Amino acid sequence: MSLRTEIQNFLRRSGMSPTAFGQAALGDPCFLGKLSRGEIRVGPARRATIRIWLNNNRDLKVANPQRSFEPSGTGLNVALNGDLWDRDAMIASAMLLDALKLHHPERCAA
């Protein structure tokens, strides 16, 4: 199994965010973003560090897991878990979506 697949499986299972994972495992909250953009490569030593961290934390469950983002053609479909969002966050999300529709209508076409 590839390292990326192992990390993705861990994130899905634990509910940990990619940023929190990077910070906890390597002290770099931007690690997974940099990796996905091809800005960094993972050598043998870092790969071993990550796998050891994953193994030591395999049963970890985050108390407040991140919300799930579903890919879409517009890039704006977000699956919200109502249990994790309070009323203010839902209002802020709606306001953000309205602003995106106003300023980037091409990204919001149905």
C-alpha atoms as a PDB file:
ATOM      1  CA  MET A   1       0.000   0.000   0.000  1.00  0.00           C
ATOM      2  CA  SER A   2       1.348   3.439  -0.879  1.00  0.00           C
ATOM      3  CA  LEU A   3       2.195   5.967   1.816  1.00  0.00           C
ATOM      4  CA  ARG A   4      -0.454   8.369   0.500  1.00  0.00           C
ATOM      5  CA  THR A   5      -3.096   5.638   0.718  1.00  0.00           C
ATOM      6  CA  GLU A   6      -2.021   4.800   4.264  1.00  0.00           C
ATOM      7  CA  ILE A   7      -2.298   8.464   5.265  1.00  0.00           C
ATOM      8  CA  GLN A   8      -5.677   8.886   3.557  1.00  0.00           C
ATOM      9  CA  ASN A   9      -7.008   5.771   5.272  1.00  0.00           C
ATOM     10  CA  PHE A  10      -5.737   7.029   8.617  1.00  0.00           C
ATOM     11  CA  LEU A  11      -7.338  10.467   8.138  1.00  0.00           C
ATOM     12  CA  ARG A  12     -10.653   8.913   7.148  1.00  0.00           C
ATOM     13  CA  ARG A  13     -10.618   6.467  10.051  1.00  0.00           C
ATOM     14  CA  SER A  14      -9.432   8.929  12.715  1.00  0.00           C
ATOM     15  CA  GLY A  15     -11.288  12.058  11.592  1.00  0.00           C
ATOM     16  CA  MET A  16      -8.039  14.031  11.830  1.00  0.00           C
ATOM     17  CA  SER A  17      -7.537  16.931   9.435  1.00  0.00           C
ATOM     18  CA  PRO A  18      -4.584  16.926   7.014  1.00  0.00           C
ATOM     19  CA  THR A  19      -3.173  20.007   8.758  1.00  0.00           C
ATOM     20  CA  ALA A  20      -3.361  18.403  12.196  1.00  0.00           C
ATOM     21  CA  PHE A  21      -1.748  15.248  10.809  1.00  0.00           C
ATOM     22  CA  GLY A  22       1.183  17.155   9.323  1.00  0.00           C
ATOM     23  CA  GLN A  23       1.719  19.055  12.568  1.00  0.00           C
ATOM     24  CA  ALA A  24       1.471  15.967  14.774  1.00  0.00           C
ATOM     25  CA  ALA A  25       3.505  13.575  12.629  1.00  0.00           C
ATOM     26  CA  LEU A  26       6.200  15.904  11.287  1.00  0.00           C
ATOM     27  CA  GLY A  27       5.802  19.314  12.885  1.00  0.00           C
ATOM     28  CA  ASP A  28       4.733  20.749   9.504  1.00  0.00           C
ATOM     29  CA  PRO A  29       1.028  21.590   9.215  1.00  0.00           C
ATOM     30  CA  CYS A  30       1.435  22.198   5.469  1.00  0.00           C
ATOM     31  CA  PHE A  31       3.104  18.855   4.759  1.00  0.00           C
ATOM     32  CA  LEU A  32       0.191  17.111   3.003  1.00  0.00           C
ATOM     33  CA  GLY A  33      -0.655  20.211   0.986  1.00  0.00           C
ATOM     34  CA  LYS A  34       2.946  20.522  -0.183  1.00  0.00           C
ATOM     35  CA  LEU A  35       3.033  16.809  -0.975  1.00  0.00           C
ATOM     36  CA  SER A  36      -0.177  16.923  -3.009  1.00  0.00           C
ATOM     37  CA  ARG A  37       1.116  19.921  -4.978  1.00  0.00           C
ATOM     38  CA  GLY A  38       4.402  18.124  -5.694  1.00  0.00           C
ATOM     39  CA  GLU A  39       6.434  20.735  -3.816  1.00  0.00           C
ATOM     40  CA  ILE A  40       8.233  18.150  -1.697  1.00  0.00           C
ATOM     41  CA  ARG A  41       9.370  14.574  -1.971  1.00  0.00           C
ATOM     42  CA  VAL A  42       9.334  12.019   0.798  1.00  0.00           C
ATOM     43  CA  GLY A  43      12.660  10.281   1.257  1.00  0.00           C
ATOM     44  CA  PRO A  44      13.244   7.014   3.105  1.00  0.00           C
ATOM     45  CA  ALA A  45      13.883   8.633   6.502  1.00  0.00           C
ATOM     46  CA  ARG A  46      10.738  10.782   6.417  1.00  0.00           C
ATOM     47  CA  ARG A  47       8.715   7.864   5.060  1.00  0.00           C
ATOM     48  CA  ALA A  48       9.879   5.748   8.013  1.00  0.00           C
ATOM     49  CA  THR A  49       9.040   8.551  10.464  1.00  0.00           C
ATOM     50  CA  ILE A  50       5.513   8.810   9.055  1.00  0.00           C
ATOM     51  CA  ARG A  51       4.919   5.062   9.103  1.00  0.00           C
ATOM     52  CA  ILE A  52       6.151   4.815  12.702  1.00  0.00           C
ATOM     53  CA  TRP A  53       3.830   7.687  13.686  1.00  0.00           C
ATOM     54  CA  LEU A  54       0.897   6.042  11.873  1.00  0.00           C
ATOM     55  CA  ASN A  55       1.604   2.726  13.586  1.00  0.00           C
ATOM     56  CA  ASN A  56       1.879   4.347  17.037  1.00  0.00           C
ATOM     57  CA  ASN A  57      -1.382   6.247  16.519  1.00  0.00           C
ATOM     58  CA  ARG A  58      -3.437   3.705  14.577  1.00  0.00           C
ATOM     59  CA  ASP A  59      -6.259   3.712  17.171  1.00  0.00           C
ATOM     60  CA  LEU A  60      -6.485   7.505  17.408  1.00  0.00           C
ATOM     61  CA  LYS A  61      -9.966   9.017  17.083  1.00  0.00           C
ATOM     62  CA  VAL A  62     -10.348  12.788  16.971  1.00  0.00           C
ATOM     63  CA  ALA A  63     -13.009  14.128  19.343  1.00  0.00           C
ATOM     64  CA  ASN A  64     -14.365  16.649  16.814  1.00  0.00           C
ATOM     65  CA  PRO A  65     -13.621  15.222  13.367  1.00  0.00           C
ATOM     66  CA  GLN A  66     -13.319  17.533  10.395  1.00  0.00           C
ATOM     67  CA  ARG A  67     -16.248  18.028   8.058  1.00  0.00           C
ATOM     68  CA  SER A  68     -16.059  16.138   4.797  1.00  0.00           C
ATOM     69  CA  PHE A  69     -15.565  17.880   1.506  1.00  0.00           C
ATOM     70  CA  GLU A  70     -16.919  16.144  -1.558  1.00  0.00           C
ATOM     71  CA  PRO A  71     -15.300  16.890  -4.918  1.00  0.00           C
ATOM     72  CA  SER A  72     -17.553  18.306  -7.591  1.00  0.00           C
ATOM     73  CA  GLY A  73     -17.383  19.925 -10.998  1.00  0.00           C
ATOM     74  CA  THR A  74     -17.710  23.369  -9.444  1.00  0.00           C
ATOM     75  CA  GLY A  75     -15.500  22.615  -6.472  1.00  0.00           C
ATOM     76  CA  LEU A  76     -18.161  24.025  -4.144  1.00  0.00           C
ATOM     77  CA  ASN A  77     -20.092  20.996  -2.925  1.00  0.00           C
ATOM     78  CA  VAL A  78     -19.465  20.601   0.770  1.00  0.00           C
ATOM     79  CA  ALA A  79     -21.144  17.880   2.750  1.00  0.00           C
ATOM     80  CA  LEU A  80     -21.874  19.444   6.117  1.00  0.00           C
ATOM     81  CA  ASN A  81     -22.335  17.351   9.206  1.00  0.00           C
ATOM     82  CA  GLY A  82     -24.939  19.258  11.211  1.00  0.00           C
ATOM     83  CA  ASP A  83     -23.675  17.773  14.468  1.00  0.00           C
ATOM     84  CA  LEU A  84     -20.336  19.515  13.990  1.00  0.00           C
ATOM     85  CA  TRP A  85     -21.614  22.918  12.942  1.00  0.00           C
ATOM     86  CA  ASP A  86     -23.382  25.436  15.093  1.00  0.00           C
ATOM     87  CA  ARG A  87     -25.848  27.989  13.749  1.00  0.00           C
ATOM     88  CA  ASP A  88     -23.236  30.739  13.306  1.00  0.00           C
ATOM     89  CA  ALA A  89     -20.986  28.495  11.242  1.00  0.00           C
ATOM     90  CA  MET A  90     -23.885  27.540   8.977  1.00  0.00           C
ATOM     91  CA  ILE A  91     -24.732  31.221   8.455  1.00  0.00           C
ATOM     92  CA  ALA A  92     -21.080  32.026   7.701  1.00  0.00           C
ATOM     93  CA  SER A  93     -20.941  29.165   5.192  1.00  0.00           C
ATOM     94  CA  ALA A  94     -24.046  30.442   3.423  1.00  0.00           C
ATOM     95  CA  MET A  95     -22.579  33.954   3.295  1.00  0.00           C
ATOM     96  CA  LEU A  96     -19.339  32.621   1.841  1.00  0.00           C
ATOM     97  CA  LEU A  97     -21.211  30.662  -0.808  1.00  0.00           C
ATOM     98  CA  ASP A  98     -23.244  33.771  -1.712  1.00  0.00           C
ATOM     99  CA  ALA A  99     -20.021  35.769  -2.078  1.00  0.00           C
ATOM    100  CA  LEU A 100     -18.506  33.061  -4.289  1.00  0.00           C
ATOM    101  CA  LYS A 101     -21.600  33.042  -6.498  1.00  0.00           C
ATOM    102  CA  LEU A 102     -21.421  36.829  -6.814  1.00  0.00           C
ATOM    103  CA  HIS A 103     -17.707  37.104  -7.569  1.00  0.00           C
ATOM    104  CA  HIS A 104     -17.073  33.796  -9.361  1.00  0.00           C
ATOM    105  CA  PRO A 105     -20.328  32.816 -11.115  1.00  0.00           C
ATOM    106  CA  GLU A 106     -18.446  30.566 -13.547  1.00  0.00           C
ATOM    107  CA  ARG A 107     -17.385  28.371 -10.592  1.00  0.00           C
ATOM    108  CA  CYS A 108     -20.940  28.128  -9.314  1.00  0.00           C
ATOM    109  CA  ALA A 109     -22.830  27.163 -12.474  1.00  0.00           C
ATOM    110  CA  ALA A 110     -25.246  24.323 -11.851  1.00  0.00           C
END
